C-alpha atoms as a PDB file:
ATOM      1  CA  MET A   1     112.577  61.941-199.422  1.00  0.00           C
ATOM      2  CA  GLY A   2     109.601  60.781-197.355  1.00  0.00           C
ATOM      3  CA  LEU A   3     106.956  58.236-198.266  1.00  0.00           C
ATOM      4  CA  THR A   4     103.351  59.135-199.041  1.00  0.00           C
ATOM      5  CA  LEU A   5     100.704  56.743-197.726  1.00  0.00           C
ATOM      6  CA  ALA A   6      97.075  57.245-198.763  1.00  0.00           C
ATOM      7  CA  VAL A   7      93.891  55.593-197.514  1.00  0.00           C
ATOM      8  CA  ALA A   8      90.806  55.305-199.733  1.00  0.00           C
ATOM      9  CA  GLY A   9      87.509  53.440-199.853  1.00  0.00           C
ATOM     10  CA  LYS A  10      83.753  53.737-199.589  1.00  0.00           C
ATOM     11  CA  GLY A  11      82.464  56.063-196.892  1.00  0.00           C
ATOM     12  CA  GLY A  12      81.778  54.465-193.534  1.00  0.00           C
ATOM     13  CA  VAL A  13      84.029  51.428-193.933  1.00  0.00           C
ATOM     14  CA  GLY A  14      86.751  52.546-191.544  1.00  0.00           C
ATOM     15  CA  LYS A  15      89.065  54.729-193.678  1.00  0.00           C
ATOM     16  CA  THR A  16      89.644  57.315-190.988  1.00  0.00           C
ATOM     17  CA  SER A  17      90.065  54.702-188.268  1.00  0.00           C
ATOM     18  CA  LEU A  18      92.692  52.942-190.384  1.00  0.00           C
ATOM     19  CA  THR A  19      94.455  56.280-190.957  1.00  0.00           C
ATOM     20  CA  ALA A  20      94.559  56.895-187.192  1.00  0.00           C
ATOM     21  CA  LEU A  21      95.879  53.384-186.578  1.00  0.00           C
ATOM     22  CA  ILE A  22      98.594  53.842-189.205  1.00  0.00           C
ATOM     23  CA  MET A  23      99.591  57.099-187.528  1.00  0.00           C
ATOM     24  CA  ARG A  24      99.708  55.424-184.119  1.00  0.00           C
ATOM     25  CA  VAL A  25     101.867  52.545-185.370  1.00  0.00           C
ATOM     26  CA  LEU A  26     104.296  54.913-187.111  1.00  0.00           C
ATOM     27  CA  ILE A  27     104.584  57.099-184.009  1.00  0.00           C
ATOM     28  CA  GLU A  28     105.296  54.071-181.820  1.00  0.00           C
ATOM     29  CA  ALA A  29     107.920  52.923-184.326  1.00  0.00           C
ATOM     30  CA  GLY A  30     109.654  56.301-184.023  1.00  0.00           C
ATOM     31  CA  LYS A  31     108.950  57.230-187.638  1.00  0.00           C
ATOM     32  CA  LYS A  32     108.879  60.965-187.161  1.00  0.00           C
ATOM     33  CA  PRO A  33     108.303  63.651-188.265  1.00  0.00           C
ATOM     34  CA  LEU A  34     104.865  62.798-189.686  1.00  0.00           C
ATOM     35  CA  LEU A  35     102.376  64.869-191.665  1.00  0.00           C
ATOM     36  CA  ALA A  36      98.700  63.839-191.669  1.00  0.00           C
ATOM     37  CA  ILE A  37      96.443  65.320-194.367  1.00  0.00           C
ATOM     38  CA  ASP A  38      92.656  65.141-194.195  1.00  0.00           C
ATOM     39  CA  ALA A  39      91.656  65.253-197.875  1.00  0.00           C
ATOM     40  CA  ASP A  40      88.049  64.277-197.136  1.00  0.00           C
ATOM     41  CA  SER A  41      85.609  67.181-197.481  1.00  0.00           C
ATOM     42  CA  ASN A  42      83.564  65.534-194.709  1.00  0.00           C
ATOM     43  CA  SER A  43      86.454  66.213-192.367  1.00  0.00           C
ATOM     44  CA  ASN A  44      86.773  64.270-189.136  1.00  0.00           C
ATOM     45  CA  LEU A  45      90.350  63.005-189.133  1.00  0.00           C
ATOM     46  CA  HIS A  46      91.262  65.815-186.739  1.00  0.00           C
ATOM     47  CA  GLU A  47      88.841  64.371-184.175  1.00  0.00           C
ATOM     48  CA  VAL A  48      90.371  60.891-184.169  1.00  0.00           C
ATOM     49  CA  LEU A  49      93.832  62.490-183.957  1.00  0.00           C
ATOM     50  CA  GLY A  50      92.851  64.737-181.045  1.00  0.00           C
ATOM     51  CA  ILE A  51      93.072  68.098-182.867  1.00  0.00           C
ATOM     52  CA  HIS A  52      90.491  70.795-182.172  1.00  0.00           C
ATOM     53  CA  GLU A  53      88.760  72.360-185.217  1.00  0.00           C
ATOM     54  CA  PRO A  54      91.693  73.108-187.526  1.00  0.00           C
ATOM     55  CA  ARG A  55      91.625  75.910-190.075  1.00  0.00           C
ATOM     56  CA  SER A  56      91.278  74.267-193.468  1.00  0.00           C
ATOM     57  CA  VAL A  57      92.459  74.835-197.014  1.00  0.00           C
ATOM     58  CA  GLY A  58      88.783  75.336-197.884  1.00  0.00           C
ATOM     59  CA  CYS A  59      88.638  78.280-195.465  1.00  0.00           C
ATOM     60  CA  VAL A  60      91.784  79.757-196.981  1.00  0.00           C
ATOM     61  CA  ARG A  61      90.296  79.389-200.436  1.00  0.00           C
ATOM     62  CA  GLU A  62      87.111  81.235-199.474  1.00  0.00           C
ATOM     63  CA  GLU A  63      88.950  84.005-197.635  1.00  0.00           C
ATOM     64  CA  THR A  64      91.195  84.553-200.652  1.00  0.00           C
ATOM     65  CA  ARG A  65      88.189  84.663-202.983  1.00  0.00           C
ATOM     66  CA  LYS A  66      86.451  87.273-200.817  1.00  0.00           C
ATOM     67  CA  LEU A  67      89.563  89.450-200.720  1.00  0.00           C
ATOM     68  CA  GLY A  68      89.585  89.636-204.509  1.00  0.00           C
ATOM     69  CA  ASP A  69      92.462  91.862-205.559  1.00  0.00           C
ATOM     70  CA  ASP A  70      92.847  93.361-202.053  1.00  0.00           C
ATOM     71  CA  ILE A  71      95.602  90.970-201.021  1.00  0.00           C
ATOM     72  CA  PRO A  72      97.595  92.436-198.091  1.00  0.00           C
ATOM     73  CA  GLY A  73     101.305  93.050-198.250  1.00  0.00           C
ATOM     74  CA  GLY A  74     101.443  93.351-202.021  1.00  0.00           C
ATOM     75  CA  MET A  75     101.531  89.569-202.395  1.00  0.00           C
ATOM     76  CA  SER A  76     100.063  87.668-205.318  1.00  0.00           C
ATOM     77  CA  LYS A  77      97.010  85.478-204.682  1.00  0.00           C
ATOM     78  CA  ASP A  78      99.087  82.337-205.077  1.00  0.00           C
ATOM     79  CA  ARG A  79     101.755  83.514-202.647  1.00  0.00           C
ATOM     80  CA  PHE A  80      99.134  84.739-200.162  1.00  0.00           C
ATOM     81  CA  MET A  81      97.239  81.432-200.291  1.00  0.00           C
ATOM     82  CA  GLU A  82     100.445  79.446-199.949  1.00  0.00           C
ATOM     83  CA  TYR A  83     101.400  81.490-196.897  1.00  0.00           C
ATOM     84  CA  GLN A  84      97.963  80.981-195.347  1.00  0.00           C
ATOM     85  CA  ILE A  85      98.017  77.221-196.001  1.00  0.00           C
ATOM     86  CA  GLN A  86     101.437  76.993-194.381  1.00  0.00           C
ATOM     87  CA  ALA A  87     100.040  78.915-191.411  1.00  0.00           C
ATOM     88  CA  SER A  88      97.138  76.438-191.223  1.00  0.00           C
ATOM     89  CA  LEU A  89      99.473  73.559-190.414  1.00  0.00           C
ATOM     90  CA  GLU A  90      98.663  72.255-186.938  1.00  0.00           C
ATOM     91  CA  GLU A  91     101.788  71.179-185.097  1.00  0.00           C
ATOM     92  CA  THR A  92     101.744  68.595-182.309  1.00  0.00           C
ATOM     93  CA  LYS A  93     104.422  66.731-180.399  1.00  0.00           C
ATOM     94  CA  ASN A  94     104.269  63.677-182.672  1.00  0.00           C
ATOM     95  CA  PHE A  95     102.929  64.929-186.009  1.00  0.00           C
ATOM     96  CA  ASP A  96     101.736  67.885-188.060  1.00  0.00           C
ATOM     97  CA  PHE A  97      98.247  68.108-189.554  1.00  0.00           C
ATOM     98  CA  LEU A  98      96.629  69.791-192.558  1.00  0.00           C
ATOM     99  CA  SER A  99      92.930  69.738-193.457  1.00  0.00           C
ATOM    100  CA  MET A 100      91.509  70.288-196.935  1.00  0.00           C
ATOM    101  CA  GLY A 101      88.058  70.999-195.478  1.00  0.00           C
ATOM    102  CA  ARG A 102      84.775  71.623-197.242  1.00  0.00           C
ATOM    103  CA  PRO A 103      84.425  74.352-199.892  1.00  0.00           C
ATOM    104  CA  GLU A 104      81.906  77.090-199.142  1.00  0.00           C
ATOM    105  CA  GLY A 105      79.469  78.208-201.811  1.00  0.00           C
ATOM    106  CA  SER A 106      80.130  77.789-205.504  1.00  0.00           C
ATOM    107  CA  GLY A 107      83.512  77.134-207.024  1.00  0.00           C
ATOM    108  CA  CYS A 108      86.028  74.353-206.802  1.00  0.00           C
ATOM    109  CA  TYR A 109      89.297  73.471-205.169  1.00  0.00           C
ATOM    110  CA  CYS A 110      91.281  73.792-208.391  1.00  0.00           C
ATOM    111  CA  MET A 111      93.582  76.636-207.366  1.00  0.00           C
ATOM    112  CA  ALA A 112      93.907  75.374-203.787  1.00  0.00           C
ATOM    113  CA  ASN A 113      94.658  71.875-205.065  1.00  0.00           C
ATOM    114  CA  ASN A 114      97.406  73.142-207.347  1.00  0.00           C
ATOM    115  CA  ILE A 115      99.052  75.094-204.557  1.00  0.00           C
ATOM    116  CA  LEU A 116      98.539  72.298-202.038  1.00  0.00           C
ATOM    117  CA  ARG A 117     100.158  69.812-204.397  1.00  0.00           C
ATOM    118  CA  GLU A 118     103.202  72.047-204.675  1.00  0.00           C
ATOM    119  CA  ILE A 119     103.310  72.475-200.893  1.00  0.00           C
ATOM    120  CA  ILE A 120     103.048  68.716-200.356  1.00  0.00           C
ATOM    121  CA  SER A 121     105.851  68.161-202.837  1.00  0.00           C
ATOM    122  CA  ARG A 122     108.097  70.479-200.835  1.00  0.00           C
ATOM    123  CA  LEU A 123     106.890  69.316-197.429  1.00  0.00           C
ATOM    124  CA  THR A 124     107.447  65.651-198.209  1.00  0.00           C
ATOM    125  CA  SER A 125     111.209  66.095-198.074  1.00  0.00           C
ATOM    126  CA  ASN A 126     110.803  67.376-194.501  1.00  0.00           C
ATOM    127  CA  TYR A 127     108.718  64.442-193.248  1.00  0.00           C
ATOM    128  CA  THR A 128     109.466  60.761-192.879  1.00  0.00           C
ATOM    129  CA  PHE A 129     105.863  59.974-193.877  1.00  0.00           C
ATOM    130  CA  VAL A 130     102.894  61.890-195.284  1.00  0.00           C
ATOM    131  CA  ILE A 131      99.620  60.081-194.524  1.00  0.00           C
ATOM    132  CA  VAL A 132      96.507  61.118-196.487  1.00  0.00           C
ATOM    133  CA  ASP A 133      92.905  60.273-195.613  1.00  0.00           C
ATOM    134  CA  ASN A 134      91.086  60.591-198.963  1.00  0.00           C
ATOM    135  CA  GLU A 135      87.494  61.260-199.886  1.00  0.00           C
ATOM    136  CA  ALA A 136      85.281  58.224-200.460  1.00  0.00           C
ATOM    137  CA  GLY A 137      85.417  58.882-204.194  1.00  0.00           C
ATOM    138  CA  MET A 138      89.185  59.463-204.198  1.00  0.00           C
ATOM    139  CA  GLU A 139      88.448  62.920-205.564  1.00  0.00           C
ATOM    140  CA  HIS A 140      91.743  64.420-204.539  1.00  0.00           C
ATOM    141  CA  LEU A 141      93.691  61.595-206.107  1.00  0.00           C
ATOM    142  CA  SER A 142      91.855  62.042-209.393  1.00  0.00           C
ATOM    143  CA  ARG A 143      92.393  65.820-209.209  1.00  0.00           C
ATOM    144  CA  ARG A 144      96.114  65.155-208.697  1.00  0.00           C
ATOM    145  CA  THR A 145      96.239  66.722-205.218  1.00  0.00           C
ATOM    146  CA  GLU A 146      98.869  64.119-204.375  1.00  0.00           C
ATOM    147  CA  GLU A 147     101.330  63.940-207.263  1.00  0.00           C
ATOM    148  CA  GLU A 148     102.748  60.556-206.215  1.00  0.00           C
ATOM    149  CA  VAL A 149     101.504  57.920-203.771  1.00  0.00           C
ATOM    150  CA  ASP A 150     103.992  55.321-202.576  1.00  0.00           C
ATOM    151  CA  HIS A 151     101.420  53.090-200.851  1.00  0.00           C
ATOM    152  CA  LEU A 152      97.655  53.253-201.337  1.00  0.00           C
ATOM    153  CA  PHE A 153      95.538  51.338-198.821  1.00  0.00           C
ATOM    154  CA  VAL A 154      92.080  50.583-200.229  1.00  0.00           C
ATOM    155  CA  VAL A 155      89.840  49.658-197.310  1.00  0.00           C
ATOM    156  CA  SER A 156      86.435  47.988-197.224  1.00  0.00           C
ATOM    157  CA  ASP A 157      84.353  46.189-194.665  1.00  0.00           C
ATOM    158  CA  ALA A 158      83.099  42.699-195.447  1.00  0.00           C
ATOM    159  CA  ALA A 159      79.650  43.759-196.658  1.00  0.00           C
ATOM    160  CA  PRO A 160      79.054  42.772-200.315  1.00  0.00           C
ATOM    161  CA  ARG A 161      77.801  46.281-201.149  1.00  0.00           C
ATOM    162  CA  SER A 162      81.032  47.800-199.853  1.00  0.00           C
ATOM    163  CA  LEU A 163      83.174  45.274-201.685  1.00  0.00           C
ATOM    164  CA  ARG A 164      81.519  46.097-205.009  1.00  0.00           C
ATOM    165  CA  THR A 165      82.893  49.642-204.759  1.00  0.00           C
ATOM    166  CA  ILE A 166      86.437  48.247-204.723  1.00  0.00           C
ATOM    167  CA  GLY A 167      86.111  47.317-208.392  1.00  0.00           C
ATOM    168  CA  ARG A 168      85.212  50.924-209.269  1.00  0.00           C
ATOM    169  CA  ILE A 169      88.109  52.256-207.221  1.00  0.00           C
ATOM    170  CA  ALA A 170      90.398  49.771-209.000  1.00  0.00           C
ATOM    171  CA  GLU A 171      89.379  51.287-212.340  1.00  0.00           C
ATOM    172  CA  LEU A 172      90.331  54.751-211.133  1.00  0.00           C
ATOM    173  CA  ILE A 173      93.643  53.433-209.827  1.00  0.00           C
ATOM    174  CA  ASP A 174      94.390  52.014-213.284  1.00  0.00           C
ATOM    175  CA  GLU A 175      93.562  55.410-214.830  1.00  0.00           C
ATOM    176  CA  LEU A 176      96.040  57.094-212.476  1.00  0.00           C
ATOM    177  CA  GLY A 177      98.757  54.842-213.850  1.00  0.00           C
ATOM    178  CA  GLY A 178     102.222  55.002-212.372  1.00  0.00           C
ATOM    179  CA  ARG A 179     101.386  57.673-209.822  1.00  0.00           C
ATOM    180  CA  ILE A 180     100.451  54.895-207.358  1.00  0.00           C
ATOM    181  CA  HIS A 181     103.425  52.636-206.756  1.00  0.00           C
ATOM    182  CA  HIS A 182     101.989  50.017-204.389  1.00  0.00           C
ATOM    183  CA  LYS A 183      98.350  49.021-203.762  1.00  0.00           C
ATOM    184  CA  HIS A 184      97.075  47.210-200.675  1.00  0.00           C
ATOM    185  CA  PHE A 185      93.523  45.938-200.241  1.00  0.00           C
ATOM    186  CA  VAL A 186      92.488  45.814-196.567  1.00  0.00           C
ATOM    187  CA  LEU A 187      89.344  44.382-194.971  1.00  0.00           C
ATOM    188  CA  SER A 188      88.138  46.162-191.848  1.00  0.00           C
ATOM    189  CA  ARG A 189      85.913  45.181-188.913  1.00  0.00           C
ATOM    190  CA  VAL A 190      86.390  41.494-189.604  1.00  0.00           C
ATOM    191  CA  HIS A 191      84.845  39.034-187.164  1.00  0.00           C
ATOM    192  CA  GLY A 192      87.028  35.930-186.902  1.00  0.00           C
ATOM    193  CA  ASP A 193      89.335  34.697-189.657  1.00  0.00           C
ATOM    194  CA  LEU A 194      89.021  35.341-193.394  1.00  0.00           C
ATOM    195  CA  ASP A 195      88.042  31.693-193.788  1.00  0.00           C
ATOM    196  CA  ASP A 196      85.021  32.363-191.565  1.00  0.00           C
ATOM    197  CA  LEU A 197      83.585  35.083-193.817  1.00  0.00           C
ATOM    198  CA  PRO A 198      80.032  34.546-195.158  1.00  0.00           C
ATOM    199  CA  ALA A 199      79.658  32.869-198.545  1.00  0.00           C
ATOM    200  CA  THR A 200      78.271  36.089-200.082  1.00  0.00           C
ATOM    201  CA  THR A 201      81.380  37.975-198.994  1.00  0.00           C
ATOM    202  CA  LYS A 202      83.714  35.283-200.346  1.00  0.00           C
ATOM    203  CA  LYS A 203      81.895  35.396-203.681  1.00  0.00           C
ATOM    204  CA  GLU A 204      82.407  39.149-203.960  1.00  0.00           C
ATOM    205  CA  LEU A 205      86.071  38.792-202.987  1.00  0.00           C
ATOM    206  CA  GLU A 206      86.648  36.280-205.774  1.00  0.00           C
ATOM    207  CA  GLN A 207      85.488  38.833-208.351  1.00  0.00           C
ATOM    208  CA  LEU A 208      87.822  41.599-207.186  1.00  0.00           C
ATOM    209  CA  PRO A 209      91.119  42.386-208.921  1.00  0.00           C
ATOM    210  CA  TYR A 210      92.912  42.396-205.546  1.00  0.00           C
ATOM    211  CA  ARG A 211      93.133  39.842-202.789  1.00  0.00           C
ATOM    212  CA  PRO A 212      93.067  41.159-199.202  1.00  0.00           C
ATOM    213  CA  GLU A 213      96.576  41.749-197.896  1.00  0.00           C
ATOM    214  CA  GLY A 214      95.365  42.337-194.387  1.00  0.00           C
ATOM    215  CA  ALA A 215      92.330  42.137-192.151  1.00  0.00           C
ATOM    216  CA  ILE A 216      91.626  44.584-189.330  1.00  0.00           C
ATOM    217  CA  PRO A 217      89.530  42.767-186.723  1.00  0.00           C
ATOM    218  CA  TYR A 218      86.476  44.265-185.107  1.00  0.00           C
ATOM    219  CA  ASP A 219      87.933  45.850-181.996  1.00  0.00           C
ATOM    220  CA  GLN A 220      85.798  46.851-179.023  1.00  0.00           C
ATOM    221  CA  ALA A 221      88.619  49.108-177.846  1.00  0.00           C
ATOM    222  CA  LEU A 222      88.100  51.322-180.918  1.00  0.00           C
ATOM    223  CA  VAL A 223      84.358  51.390-180.288  1.00  0.00           C
ATOM    224  CA  ASP A 224      84.860  52.328-176.644  1.00  0.00           C
ATOM    225  CA  LEU A 225      87.218  55.181-177.523  1.00  0.00           C
ATOM    226  CA  ASP A 226      84.745  56.476-180.079  1.00  0.00           C
ATOM    227  CA  LEU A 227      81.805  56.308-177.684  1.00  0.00           C
ATOM    228  CA  SER A 228      83.753  58.105-174.979  1.00  0.00           C
ATOM    229  CA  GLY A 229      84.801  60.861-177.377  1.00  0.00           C
ATOM    230  CA  GLU A 230      88.478  60.011-177.011  1.00  0.00           C
ATOM    231  CA  PRO A 231      90.849  60.268-180.017  1.00  0.00           C
ATOM    232  CA  LEU A 232      91.380  56.893-181.673  1.00  0.00           C
ATOM    233  CA  ILE A 233      95.095  57.601-181.860  1.00  0.00           C
ATOM    234  CA  LYS A 234      95.166  56.815-178.132  1.00  0.00           C
ATOM    235  CA  ILE A 235      94.447  53.149-178.893  1.00  0.00           C
ATOM    236  CA  SER A 236      96.568  50.764-176.825  1.00  0.00           C
ATOM    237  CA  THR A 237      99.415  48.956-178.557  1.00  0.00           C
ATOM    238  CA  ASP A 238      98.052  45.713-177.066  1.00  0.00           C
ATOM    239  CA  THR A 239      94.749  45.833-178.965  1.00  0.00           C
ATOM    240  CA  PRO A 240      93.950  43.524-181.916  1.00  0.00           C
ATOM    241  CA  SER A 241      93.444  46.407-184.377  1.00  0.00           C
ATOM    242  CA  TYR A 242      96.798  47.985-183.534  1.00  0.00           C
ATOM    243  CA  LYS A 243      98.622  44.685-183.903  1.00  0.00           C
ATOM    244  CA  ALA A 244      96.877  43.994-187.229  1.00  0.00           C
ATOM    245  CA  VAL A 245      97.901  47.367-188.691  1.00  0.00           C
ATOM    246  CA  GLU A 246     101.441  46.947-187.405  1.00  0.00           C
ATOM    247  CA  ALA A 247     101.612  43.574-189.166  1.00  0.00           C
ATOM    248  CA  LEU A 248     100.143  45.125-192.327  1.00  0.00           C
ATOM    249  CA  LEU A 249     102.795  47.855-192.468  1.00  0.00           C
ATOM    250  CA  LYS A 250     105.516  45.283-191.937  1.00  0.00           C
ATOM    251  CA  SER A 251     104.189  43.025-194.696  1.00  0.00           C
ATOM    252  CA  ALA A 252     104.022  46.054-197.022  1.00  0.00           C
ATOM    253  CA  GLY A 253     107.703  46.751-196.368  1.00  0.00           C
ATOM    254  CA  ILE A 254     106.959  50.086-194.695  1.00  0.00           C
ATOM    255  CA  LEU A 255     108.221  48.914-191.308  1.00  0.00           C
ATOM    256  CA  SER A 256     111.051  46.491-190.732  1.00  0.00           C
END
């Protein structure tokens, strides 16, 4: 049975970058096969992983809705959608990828979420790791898209406004109960050591229910890849951000 790793946090704090770094570290460690899931409706994980415009669960949902009862092949809607979601899996040399995408028009992801959850449950046994990049509001966690999460990485930058959202995410985590087995609070884009953080940041950190388990340093190599339009998963193993994430996964007991 594989492990499910999820990344959550306020938008713009480096969730997707951390997801890409986790993927890179796991690939380098030979932890394959891997499944990456973009559960953020503002999808861009595929870009940092070097995948071109994947077909999403949201697209499948809308196509199924438009078909109505005219499902081809005599299949039920559930079976047809499940087949289409399976067909939407992008396969690469090092990992597979699935995108939730953005819903079109009115409606919700309820049916797609239910089917996706069942698919993930079955797929997990086929993958060493399933890595999920969540929405800023952890919507898919609260909707039970992922039935169980072995390790949840809650990421924030050092800005006080970003840190205040961690408390709200912590409340949701408590509501989800035993579905999340291990929680890890990670600071991103840190300049210098944690001891060098501004007094306002330290004050906010003292009020949080979690202490940072890791700090991802500001890394010009990530910025340069982003500016050049290159996938972040190409980051060198010699860079500070890669080494920090590798150390984080080791301290979490995910890597030996």
